[in-house]
Protein backbone atom coordinates (compact mmCIF):
# COMPACT_ATOMS: atom_id res chain seq x y z
CA MET A 1 0.08 -16.27 -7.25
CA GLU A 2 2.19 -13.51 -8.92
CA ILE A 3 5.37 -11.86 -8.44
CA PHE A 4 6.59 -8.48 -7.51
CA ASP A 5 9.23 -7.76 -10.19
CA ALA A 6 8.12 -4.48 -11.10
CA LEU A 7 7.48 -2.79 -7.86
CA ASP A 8 9.73 0.67 -7.14
CA ALA A 9 9.01 0.26 -3.37
CA LEU A 10 10.12 -3.34 -3.13
CA VAL A 11 13.58 -3.66 -1.57
CA TYR A 12 15.05 -6.88 -0.90
CA THR A 13 18.77 -8.13 0.12
CA PRO A 14 21.24 -9.21 -1.11
CA SER A 15 19.60 -8.24 -4.64
CA SER A 16 16.79 -9.05 -6.94
CA GLU A 17 19.01 -10.83 -9.53
CA GLY A 18 17.43 -13.99 -10.67
CA HIS A 19 14.16 -13.45 -9.60
CA SER A 20 11.48 -13.39 -12.45
CA PRO A 21 7.63 -14.21 -12.91
CA SER A 22 6.58 -17.62 -12.65
CA GLU A 23 6.15 -19.50 -15.86
CA SER A 24 2.58 -20.53 -14.51
CA SER A 25 -0.24 -18.34 -15.42
CA GLY A 26 -1.94 -19.26 -12.24
CA PHE A 27 1.08 -18.75 -9.59
CA GLY A 28 3.65 -16.00 -9.21
CA LEU A 29 6.38 -16.03 -6.67
CA LEU A 30 8.62 -13.50 -5.07
CA GLY A 31 11.55 -14.75 -3.09
CA GLY A 32 14.56 -13.00 -0.98
CA VAL A 33 16.51 -12.98 1.89
CA ASN A 34 14.72 -9.66 3.49
CA ILE A 35 11.98 -7.92 1.79
CA THR A 36 10.61 -4.77 2.60
CA LEU A 37 7.53 -3.19 1.16
CA THR A 38 6.37 0.57 1.75
CA SER A 39 3.49 2.69 0.55
CA GLY A 40 2.50 2.91 -2.79
CA SER A 41 -0.61 1.53 -5.22
CA TYR A 42 0.85 -1.38 -7.04
CA ASP A 43 -1.12 -2.42 -10.19
CA LEU A 44 0.06 -5.64 -10.94
CA SER A 45 -2.58 -6.58 -13.90
CA ASN A 46 0.29 -6.85 -16.52
CA LEU A 47 1.61 -9.86 -14.50
CA GLY A 48 -1.35 -12.21 -15.73
CA TYR A 49 -1.31 -14.32 -12.66
CA ASN A 50 -4.02 -15.34 -10.32
CA SER A 51 -2.01 -15.77 -6.90
CA LEU A 52 0.93 -14.05 -5.68
CA LEU A 53 3.22 -15.18 -2.95
CA ILE A 54 5.90 -12.80 -1.21
CA ALA A 55 8.42 -14.97 0.63
CA ALA A 56 11.55 -14.03 2.61
CA SER A 57 13.79 -16.69 3.56
CA ASN A 58 14.67 -13.72 6.54
CA ASN A 59 12.62 -11.11 7.40
CA LEU A 60 9.66 -9.41 5.70
CA THR A 61 8.84 -5.85 6.57
CA ILE A 62 5.53 -3.77 5.85
CA SER A 63 4.83 -0.29 6.42
CA GLY A 64 2.79 2.56 5.43
CA SER A 65 -0.21 2.56 3.06
CA LEU A 66 -0.27 -0.29 0.76
CA ALA A 67 -3.13 -0.68 -2.11
CA LEU A 68 -3.59 -3.24 -4.90
CA PRO A 69 -6.17 -1.77 -7.23
CA GLU A 70 -9.14 -3.89 -8.77
CA SER A 71 -7.35 -4.18 -12.28
CA THR A 72 -4.88 -6.57 -10.22
CA ASN A 73 -7.27 -9.09 -10.50
CA LEU A 74 -5.70 -11.18 -7.83
CA GLU A 75 -7.42 -14.02 -6.09
CA GLU A 76 -4.97 -14.51 -3.59
CA LEU A 77 -2.23 -12.43 -2.26
CA LEU A 78 0.23 -13.97 0.65
CA PHE A 79 2.86 -12.71 2.57
CA ILE A 80 5.24 -15.47 4.53
CA ALA A 81 8.57 -15.09 6.05
CA SER A 82 10.82 -17.73 7.73
CA GLY A 83 12.05 -14.91 10.39
CA ASN A 84 10.24 -11.81 11.38
CA LEU A 85 7.32 -10.93 9.67
CA HIS A 86 6.61 -7.09 10.85
CA ILE A 87 3.63 -4.69 9.85
CA ALA A 88 4.63 -1.72 11.13
CA GLU A 89 2.18 0.20 13.41
CA GLY A 90 -0.15 2.56 11.40
CA SER A 91 0.03 0.64 8.37
CA THR A 92 -2.82 -0.15 6.28
CA ILE A 93 -3.17 -2.79 3.62
CA ASP A 94 -6.15 -2.65 0.93
CA SER A 95 -6.12 -5.37 -1.38
CA ALA A 96 -8.68 -6.10 -4.17
CA ALA A 97 -7.54 -9.97 -3.78
CA HIS A 98 -10.49 -12.00 -2.63
CA SER A 99 -7.66 -13.65 0.04
CA LEU A 100 -5.03 -11.71 1.80
CA GLY A 101 -3.04 -13.80 4.04
CA PHE A 102 0.12 -13.51 6.44
CA GLY A 103 2.48 -16.33 7.82
CA SER A 104 5.72 -16.70 9.91
CA PHE A 105 7.73 -19.31 11.64
CA GLU A 106 8.11 -16.84 14.38
CA SER A 107 5.52 -14.39 16.41
CA ILE A 108 3.54 -11.98 14.55
CA GLU A 109 2.32 -8.92 16.07
CA ILE A 110 -0.23 -6.83 14.53
CA ILE A 111 -0.90 -3.66 16.38
CA ASN A 112 -2.98 -0.58 15.10
CA VAL A 113 -3.14 -1.83 11.48
CA ASP A 114 -5.98 -2.18 9.23
CA LEU A 115 -6.47 -5.07 6.66
CA HIS A 116 -8.84 -4.94 3.85
CA ALA A 117 -9.43 -7.93 1.26
CA GLU A 118 -12.54 -8.57 -0.95
CA GLU A 119 -13.59 -12.13 1.07
CA GLU A 120 -10.82 -13.44 3.21
CA ILE A 121 -8.27 -12.39 5.86
CA GLY A 122 -5.78 -14.80 7.21
CA VAL A 123 -3.01 -14.94 9.75
CA ARG A 124 -0.79 -17.97 10.95
CA SER A 125 2.19 -18.14 13.10
CA LEU A 126 4.28 -21.37 13.93
CA ASP A 127 4.50 -19.72 17.21
CA SER A 128 2.32 -16.72 18.62
CA VAL A 129 0.08 -14.33 17.07
CA VAL A 130 -0.92 -10.80 19.04
CA ILE A 131 -3.48 -8.58 17.77
CA ASN A 132 -4.08 -5.00 18.93
CA ASN A 133 -6.18 -2.14 18.13
CA SER A 134 -6.72 -3.22 14.53
CA GLU A 135 -9.21 -3.78 11.90
CA PHE A 136 -10.00 -6.57 9.53
CA ALA A 137 -12.58 -5.89 6.63
CA THR A 138 -14.00 -7.62 3.84
CA ARG A 139 -16.20 -6.29 0.98
CA GLY A 140 -18.13 -9.43 -0.12
CA THR A 141 -21.49 -10.36 0.31
CA GLY A 142 -21.33 -14.14 0.80
CA ALA A 143 -19.34 -16.24 3.37
CA ASP A 144 -16.58 -13.78 4.20
CA LEU A 145 -13.92 -15.38 6.31
CA ILE A 146 -11.37 -14.42 8.97
CA HIS A 147 -9.07 -17.21 9.75
CA LEU A 148 -6.62 -16.83 12.79
CA ALA A 149 -4.09 -19.48 13.84
CA ALA A 150 -1.22 -20.05 16.11
CA ALA A 151 1.01 -22.80 17.32
CA ALA A 152 1.22 -21.16 20.57
CA ASP A 153 -0.72 -18.33 21.95
CA LEU A 154 -3.29 -16.27 20.22
CA ALA A 155 -4.07 -12.65 21.97
CA ILE A 156 -6.30 -10.34 20.77
CA ASP A 157 -7.47 -7.12 22.41
CA ASN A 158 -9.58 -4.52 20.31
CA LEU A 159 -9.96 -6.18 16.83
CA ARG A 160 -12.70 -4.75 14.71
CA PHE A 161 -14.57 -6.89 11.97
CA SER A 162 -16.51 -5.48 9.16
CA GLU A 163 -20.18 -6.46 8.98
CA GLN A 164 -19.55 -8.62 5.90
CA VAL A 165 -17.65 -11.15 7.86
CA ARG A 166 -19.44 -14.27 8.13
CA GLN A 167 -17.33 -16.88 9.32
CA ILE A 168 -14.48 -16.35 12.05
CA THR A 169 -12.16 -19.24 12.85
CA MET A 170 -9.54 -18.79 15.59
CA GLU A 171 -7.05 -21.71 16.54
CA ALA A 172 -4.22 -21.74 19.06
CA MET A 173 -3.28 -23.51 22.10
CA THR A 174 -4.19 -20.44 24.21
CA ILE A 175 -6.80 -17.90 23.01
CA ASN A 176 -7.16 -14.87 24.88
CA LEU A 177 -9.69 -12.31 23.65
CA SER A 178 -10.72 -8.76 24.87
CA ASN A 179 -12.83 -6.01 23.52
CA LEU A 180 -14.11 -7.80 20.74
CA ASN A 181 -17.68 -7.73 18.96
CA PHE A 182 -18.38 -10.68 16.58
CA PRO A 183 -20.76 -9.47 14.00
CA ALA A 184 -24.20 -10.58 13.80
CA GLY A 185 -25.12 -13.46 11.68
CA SER A 186 -21.31 -14.87 11.72
CA THR A 187 -20.44 -18.06 12.64
CA VAL A 188 -17.39 -18.30 15.08
CA ASN A 189 -15.31 -21.33 15.79
CA LEU A 190 -12.56 -21.07 18.44
CA ASN A 191 -10.34 -24.30 19.04
CA SER A 192 -7.83 -24.44 21.57
CA ALA A 193 -5.76 -27.12 23.41
CA TYR A 194 -8.23 -28.04 25.79
CA GLY A 195 -11.59 -27.02 24.03
CA GLY A 196 -14.57 -25.85 25.96
CA ILE A 197 -14.91 -26.10 29.71
CA ASP A 198 -17.74 -28.81 30.30
CA GLY A 199 -17.31 -29.05 26.53
CA VAL A 200 -18.80 -25.99 25.67
CA TYR A 201 -18.03 -22.66 27.42
CA PRO A 202 -15.02 -20.33 27.40
CA ASN A 203 -13.28 -19.22 30.28
CA PHE A 204 -14.28 -16.19 31.69
CA GLY A 205 -12.70 -13.00 33.21
CA SER A 206 -9.04 -14.49 33.25
CA SER A 207 -6.31 -16.42 31.31
CA ALA A 208 -6.39 -20.03 31.80
CA ILE A 209 -3.57 -22.40 29.58
CA GLY A 210 -4.98 -24.26 26.97
CA ARG A 211 -8.48 -22.69 27.08
CA VAL A 212 -10.38 -20.01 24.80
CA ASN A 213 -10.56 -16.80 27.43
CA PHE A 214 -13.23 -14.33 27.19
CA ILE A 215 -10.88 -12.03 29.33
CA GLU A 216 -12.88 -8.48 29.11
CA ASN A 217 -15.77 -7.15 26.89
CA VAL A 218 -16.27 -9.99 24.50
CA ARG A 219 -19.69 -9.55 22.61
CA TYR A 220 -21.78 -11.26 19.93
CA ASN A 221 -23.82 -8.77 17.72
CA SER A 222 -23.23 -6.29 20.91
CA HIS A 223 -24.42 -8.91 23.42
CA LEU A 224 -21.79 -9.04 26.32
CA LEU A 225 -20.56 -12.56 26.97
CA ASN A 226 -19.29 -12.43 30.44
CA SER A 227 -21.07 -15.48 32.08
CA ARG A 228 -22.49 -19.11 31.30
CA SER A 229 -25.85 -17.69 31.33
CA ALA A 230 -25.05 -14.76 28.77
CA PHE A 231 -22.93 -17.46 26.77
CA ASP A 232 -26.21 -19.52 26.60
CA SER A 233 -28.64 -16.91 25.73
CA HIS A 234 -26.41 -15.13 23.02
CA GLY A 235 -23.53 -17.36 22.05
CA GLY A 236 -25.43 -19.87 20.02
CA ALA A 237 -23.33 -19.00 16.76
CA ILE A 238 -20.00 -19.76 19.04
CA SER A 239 -18.69 -23.16 18.81
CA ILE A 240 -15.49 -23.96 21.24
CA GLY A 241 -13.68 -26.77 20.31
CA ILE A 242 -10.30 -28.54 20.44
CA LYS A 243 -7.48 -27.18 18.15
CA SER A 244 -6.31 -29.92 15.61
CA ASN A 245 -2.59 -30.99 15.43
């Protein structure tokens, strides 16, 4: 991963003193107490790293429209916060990195946010993850991946995937899904504390603790999955299992 030591829009507290690019050609790290990233196009091509980790020991805030052009040549871009990781509503992150990831020790809310990466998008929280009215899009032609994980609850309402997504994994104690369409041809793994009902099925129409809950308007390839018979007919690519510890 690479380091953001030359970004005009980067502000972190108490100061940037002492932070410099990693000596490794493969990995760059930027650390601070509180980090704020605002709108801008960030060309990191002169840094020469394959992966970049931006880590805040307290809070990390992202707002506006952020772009990392193809010239950056990043394999992986990760944003991690020990405290709150806040992505402001209406923000867009468009990364030419193959993998784009977000992680926090606290809950993560992604509301009215668009995330774009080449092949993979991941979100992980040691508490809960809430995603509303957002788009996760990839541009690859292979096994593009979305991976969402929470130690407690994962609540998704109106998350849109690009057609290129071919693998979707969600893991949490309880998974609540509404207004979501899994793309045609995608393989979907949904893992909760108790796994599938009768080892196979989600819970339909309500939220049950420890289960994968298809609360409302959950579809695969536009086919509505609101009953066991509908799941049998159109949910063959969806596997419901038990979350690993």
